[in-house]
Amino acid sequence: SVPFLIRLFPSLLNKFVYLNFLAFPFFVDFRRPELLVNNTISLYLTTEPGVTVGIWHTVPSSRGAEAQGKDQRWYEEALGDAHPVIIYLHGNGGTR
């Protein structure tokens, strides 16, 4: 019956292969990354009208003491300094 259901509803295959409907770890607010990862803030980029992408900006541990208690503006300015930026693209699973 499984092949029949997959043939009838092909979107089921994506759900079971990628499991993008699960948010793991459970019961965690991913909009507040500072509770999970040190020196991290959640930002949002508008890539085109109607499309907003959520990102986490994490500064290196060498700047951890400097980042303590800073606001979003400080993190945005830290993106513009001479340090390299590494972009990690995790996929489209719905959580970061």
N, C-alpha and C. Protein backbone atom coordinates (compact mmCIF):
# COMPACT_ATOMS: atom_id res chain seq x y z
N SER A 1 0.81 -1.20 0.00
CA SER A 1 0.00 0.00 0.00
C SER A 1 0.86 1.27 0.00
N VAL A 2 2.11 1.19 0.50
CA VAL A 2 2.98 2.36 0.54
C VAL A 2 3.29 2.87 -0.87
N PRO A 3 3.70 2.01 -1.83
CA PRO A 3 3.94 2.52 -3.18
C PRO A 3 2.71 3.17 -3.80
N PHE A 4 1.54 2.61 -3.53
CA PHE A 4 0.30 3.18 -4.05
C PHE A 4 0.06 4.58 -3.47
N LEU A 5 0.28 4.75 -2.17
CA LEU A 5 0.09 6.05 -1.54
C LEU A 5 1.09 7.07 -2.06
N ILE A 6 2.33 6.65 -2.28
CA ILE A 6 3.35 7.57 -2.82
C ILE A 6 3.00 7.97 -4.24
N ARG A 7 2.49 7.02 -5.03
CA ARG A 7 2.07 7.33 -6.40
C ARG A 7 0.89 8.29 -6.39
N LEU A 8 0.00 8.11 -5.45
CA LEU A 8 -1.19 8.95 -5.36
C LEU A 8 -0.88 10.33 -4.78
N PHE A 9 0.04 10.37 -3.79
CA PHE A 9 0.42 11.62 -3.12
C PHE A 9 1.94 11.75 -3.12
N PRO A 10 2.55 12.24 -4.21
CA PRO A 10 4.02 12.30 -4.28
C PRO A 10 4.65 13.22 -3.23
N SER A 11 3.90 14.18 -2.72
CA SER A 11 4.46 15.06 -1.69
C SER A 11 4.75 14.31 -0.40
N LEU A 12 4.09 13.18 -0.18
CA LEU A 12 4.36 12.36 1.01
C LEU A 12 5.80 11.88 1.03
N LEU A 13 6.33 11.54 -0.14
CA LEU A 13 7.71 11.06 -0.21
C LEU A 13 8.68 12.12 0.31
N ASN A 14 8.48 13.36 -0.11
CA ASN A 14 9.35 14.44 0.37
C ASN A 14 9.24 14.60 1.89
N LYS A 15 8.05 14.51 2.40
CA LYS A 15 7.85 14.66 3.84
C LYS A 15 8.60 13.58 4.63
N PHE A 16 8.52 12.35 4.16
CA PHE A 16 9.14 11.25 4.90
C PHE A 16 10.64 11.14 4.66
N VAL A 17 11.12 11.56 3.51
CA VAL A 17 12.56 11.51 3.24
C VAL A 17 13.27 12.64 3.96
N TYR A 18 12.76 13.86 3.85
CA TYR A 18 13.45 15.02 4.42
C TYR A 18 13.00 15.38 5.83
N LEU A 19 11.83 14.94 6.23
CA LEU A 19 11.29 15.21 7.57
C LEU A 19 11.35 16.70 7.93
N ASN A 20 11.09 17.56 6.94
CA ASN A 20 11.19 19.00 7.18
C ASN A 20 10.04 19.56 7.99
N PHE A 21 9.09 18.73 8.38
CA PHE A 21 8.01 19.19 9.25
C PHE A 21 8.38 19.06 10.72
N LEU A 22 9.51 18.43 11.02
CA LEU A 22 9.97 18.29 12.39
C LEU A 22 10.90 19.43 12.77
N ALA A 23 10.74 19.97 13.93
CA ALA A 23 11.64 20.99 14.46
C ALA A 23 12.43 20.33 15.60
N PHE A 24 13.70 20.14 15.39
CA PHE A 24 14.52 19.47 16.40
C PHE A 24 15.65 20.38 16.83
N PRO A 25 15.98 20.54 18.06
CA PRO A 25 15.39 19.91 19.23
C PRO A 25 13.98 20.45 19.47
N PHE A 26 13.17 19.62 20.10
CA PHE A 26 11.76 19.95 20.32
C PHE A 26 11.62 21.07 21.36
N PHE A 27 10.58 21.86 21.22
CA PHE A 27 10.20 22.91 22.17
C PHE A 27 11.29 23.97 22.35
N VAL A 28 11.97 24.33 21.27
CA VAL A 28 13.00 25.36 21.31
C VAL A 28 12.57 26.50 20.41
N ASP A 29 12.74 27.72 20.87
CA ASP A 29 12.40 28.90 20.07
C ASP A 29 13.62 29.31 19.26
N PHE A 30 13.62 28.97 17.96
CA PHE A 30 14.76 29.26 17.11
C PHE A 30 14.87 30.74 16.75
N ARG A 31 13.89 31.55 17.14
CA ARG A 31 13.99 32.99 16.93
C ARG A 31 14.87 33.65 17.97
N ARG A 32 15.25 32.89 19.02
CA ARG A 32 16.11 33.40 20.09
C ARG A 32 17.36 32.52 20.19
N PRO A 33 18.27 32.62 19.21
CA PRO A 33 19.44 31.73 19.19
C PRO A 33 20.41 31.97 20.33
N GLU A 34 20.35 33.14 20.95
CA GLU A 34 21.27 33.42 22.05
C GLU A 34 21.05 32.46 23.22
N LEU A 35 19.89 31.83 23.27
CA LEU A 35 19.62 30.84 24.31
C LEU A 35 20.25 29.49 23.98
N LEU A 36 20.62 29.28 22.71
CA LEU A 36 21.19 28.02 22.25
C LEU A 36 22.68 28.10 21.96
N VAL A 37 23.10 29.19 21.33
CA VAL A 37 24.47 29.33 20.85
C VAL A 37 25.03 30.66 21.35
N ASN A 38 26.21 30.64 21.91
CA ASN A 38 26.84 31.87 22.41
C ASN A 38 27.17 32.82 21.25
N ASN A 39 27.10 34.11 21.52
CA ASN A 39 27.50 35.17 20.59
C ASN A 39 26.71 35.11 19.28
N THR A 40 25.42 34.86 19.35
CA THR A 40 24.59 34.69 18.16
C THR A 40 23.35 35.56 18.27
N ILE A 41 22.92 36.09 17.13
CA ILE A 41 21.70 36.90 17.07
C ILE A 41 20.94 36.50 15.82
N SER A 42 19.63 36.63 15.86
CA SER A 42 18.77 36.31 14.73
C SER A 42 18.50 37.58 13.93
N LEU A 43 18.72 37.52 12.62
CA LEU A 43 18.47 38.64 11.71
C LEU A 43 17.58 38.15 10.58
N TYR A 44 16.97 39.07 9.87
CA TYR A 44 16.11 38.72 8.74
C TYR A 44 16.49 39.57 7.54
N LEU A 45 16.61 38.94 6.38
CA LEU A 45 16.93 39.61 5.13
C LEU A 45 15.74 39.50 4.20
N THR A 46 15.40 40.59 3.53
CA THR A 46 14.37 40.55 2.50
C THR A 46 15.08 40.41 1.17
N THR A 47 14.95 39.25 0.55
CA THR A 47 15.69 38.97 -0.69
C THR A 47 14.96 39.49 -1.92
N GLU A 48 13.65 39.48 -1.87
CA GLU A 48 12.81 40.05 -2.92
C GLU A 48 11.45 40.33 -2.29
N PRO A 49 10.59 41.09 -2.95
CA PRO A 49 9.30 41.40 -2.34
C PRO A 49 8.54 40.13 -1.94
N GLY A 50 8.17 40.08 -0.68
CA GLY A 50 7.39 38.95 -0.18
C GLY A 50 8.22 37.76 0.29
N VAL A 51 9.55 37.84 0.16
CA VAL A 51 10.42 36.73 0.58
C VAL A 51 11.39 37.22 1.64
N THR A 52 11.27 36.67 2.84
CA THR A 52 12.15 37.03 3.93
C THR A 52 12.90 35.77 4.38
N VAL A 53 14.21 35.91 4.53
CA VAL A 53 15.06 34.79 4.93
C VAL A 53 15.61 35.08 6.31
N GLY A 54 15.42 34.15 7.23
CA GLY A 54 15.97 34.29 8.57
C GLY A 54 17.40 33.78 8.61
N ILE A 55 18.28 34.52 9.28
CA ILE A 55 19.68 34.11 9.40
C ILE A 55 20.11 34.23 10.86
N TRP A 56 21.12 33.50 11.20
CA TRP A 56 21.79 33.66 12.48
C TRP A 56 23.18 34.22 12.20
N HIS A 57 23.53 35.25 12.92
CA HIS A 57 24.89 35.80 12.83
C HIS A 57 25.62 35.42 14.11
N THR A 58 26.68 34.64 13.96
CA THR A 58 27.49 34.20 15.09
C THR A 58 28.88 34.79 14.93
N VAL A 59 29.34 35.52 15.94
CA VAL A 59 30.70 36.05 15.89
C VAL A 59 31.64 34.99 16.47
N PRO A 60 32.91 35.01 16.05
CA PRO A 60 33.85 34.00 16.55
C PRO A 60 34.09 34.14 18.05
N SER A 61 34.53 33.06 18.66
CA SER A 61 34.75 33.06 20.11
C SER A 61 35.81 34.07 20.52
N SER A 62 36.72 34.43 19.61
CA SER A 62 37.74 35.43 19.93
C SER A 62 37.12 36.81 20.19
N ARG A 63 35.91 37.03 19.68
CA ARG A 63 35.20 38.29 19.91
C ARG A 63 34.03 38.11 20.88
N GLY A 64 33.98 36.95 21.53
CA GLY A 64 32.87 36.63 22.41
C GLY A 64 32.70 37.60 23.56
N ALA A 65 33.80 37.96 24.21
CA ALA A 65 33.72 38.88 25.34
C ALA A 65 33.22 40.25 24.88
N GLU A 66 33.65 40.66 23.70
CA GLU A 66 33.23 41.94 23.14
C GLU A 66 31.73 41.92 22.77
N ALA A 67 31.20 40.77 22.39
CA ALA A 67 29.82 40.66 21.94
C ALA A 67 28.82 40.57 23.08
N GLN A 68 29.27 40.31 24.30
CA GLN A 68 28.37 40.14 25.43
C GLN A 68 27.53 41.40 25.65
N GLY A 69 26.21 41.24 25.63
CA GLY A 69 25.31 42.34 25.92
C GLY A 69 25.10 43.32 24.79
N LYS A 70 25.63 43.05 23.62
CA LYS A 70 25.48 43.97 22.49
C LYS A 70 24.13 43.78 21.81
N ASP A 71 23.69 44.83 21.12
CA ASP A 71 22.41 44.78 20.43
C ASP A 71 22.58 44.41 18.96
N GLN A 72 21.47 44.41 18.24
CA GLN A 72 21.47 44.02 16.84
C GLN A 72 22.36 44.93 16.01
N ARG A 73 22.39 46.20 16.31
CA ARG A 73 23.22 47.14 15.53
C ARG A 73 24.69 46.77 15.59
N TRP A 74 25.18 46.36 16.76
CA TRP A 74 26.58 45.96 16.89
C TRP A 74 26.88 44.76 16.01
N TYR A 75 25.99 43.78 15.98
CA TYR A 75 26.19 42.59 15.15
C TYR A 75 26.19 42.95 13.66
N GLU A 76 25.31 43.87 13.26
CA GLU A 76 25.28 44.29 11.86
C GLU A 76 26.57 45.01 11.48
N GLU A 77 27.10 45.84 12.38
CA GLU A 77 28.37 46.52 12.10
C GLU A 77 29.53 45.53 12.08
N ALA A 78 29.44 44.47 12.87
CA ALA A 78 30.49 43.45 12.89
C ALA A 78 30.59 42.73 11.54
N LEU A 79 29.49 42.69 10.80
CA LEU A 79 29.53 42.08 9.47
C LEU A 79 30.37 42.89 8.49
N GLY A 80 30.50 44.19 8.74
CA GLY A 80 31.22 45.07 7.82
C GLY A 80 32.68 45.27 8.14
N ASP A 81 33.21 44.62 9.18
CA ASP A 81 34.62 44.82 9.49
C ASP A 81 35.50 43.95 8.60
N ALA A 82 36.77 43.92 8.85
CA ALA A 82 37.74 43.25 7.97
C ALA A 82 37.77 41.73 8.13
N HIS A 83 37.02 41.17 9.05
CA HIS A 83 37.03 39.73 9.25
C HIS A 83 36.26 39.02 8.14
N PRO A 84 36.69 37.83 7.74
CA PRO A 84 35.95 37.09 6.70
C PRO A 84 34.60 36.61 7.22
N VAL A 85 33.67 36.44 6.31
CA VAL A 85 32.33 35.95 6.63
C VAL A 85 32.17 34.58 5.99
N ILE A 86 31.74 33.60 6.77
CA ILE A 86 31.48 32.26 6.26
C ILE A 86 29.98 32.06 6.24
N ILE A 87 29.45 31.68 5.09
CA ILE A 87 28.02 31.46 4.96
C ILE A 87 27.78 29.96 4.89
N TYR A 88 26.95 29.47 5.80
CA TYR A 88 26.59 28.06 5.83
C TYR A 88 25.14 27.94 5.43
N LEU A 89 24.87 27.24 4.35
CA LEU A 89 23.50 27.05 3.86
C LEU A 89 23.05 25.64 4.25
N HIS A 90 22.13 25.56 5.20
CA HIS A 90 21.73 24.28 5.77
C HIS A 90 20.67 23.55 4.97
N GLY A 91 19.98 24.22 4.10
CA GLY A 91 18.91 23.59 3.36
C GLY A 91 17.59 24.28 3.59
N ASN A 92 16.51 23.63 3.23
CA ASN A 92 15.21 24.28 3.30
C ASN A 92 14.26 23.58 4.26
N GLY A 93 14.77 23.08 5.36
CA GLY A 93 13.97 22.27 6.27
C GLY A 93 13.02 23.03 7.17
N GLY A 94 13.01 24.32 7.17
CA GLY A 94 12.05 25.05 7.99
C GLY A 94 12.61 25.50 9.33
N THR A 95 13.72 24.94 9.78
CA THR A 95 14.36 25.41 10.99
C THR A 95 15.81 25.69 10.67
N ARG A 96 16.42 26.45 11.53
CA ARG A 96 17.82 26.75 11.30
C ARG A 96 18.68 25.80 12.09
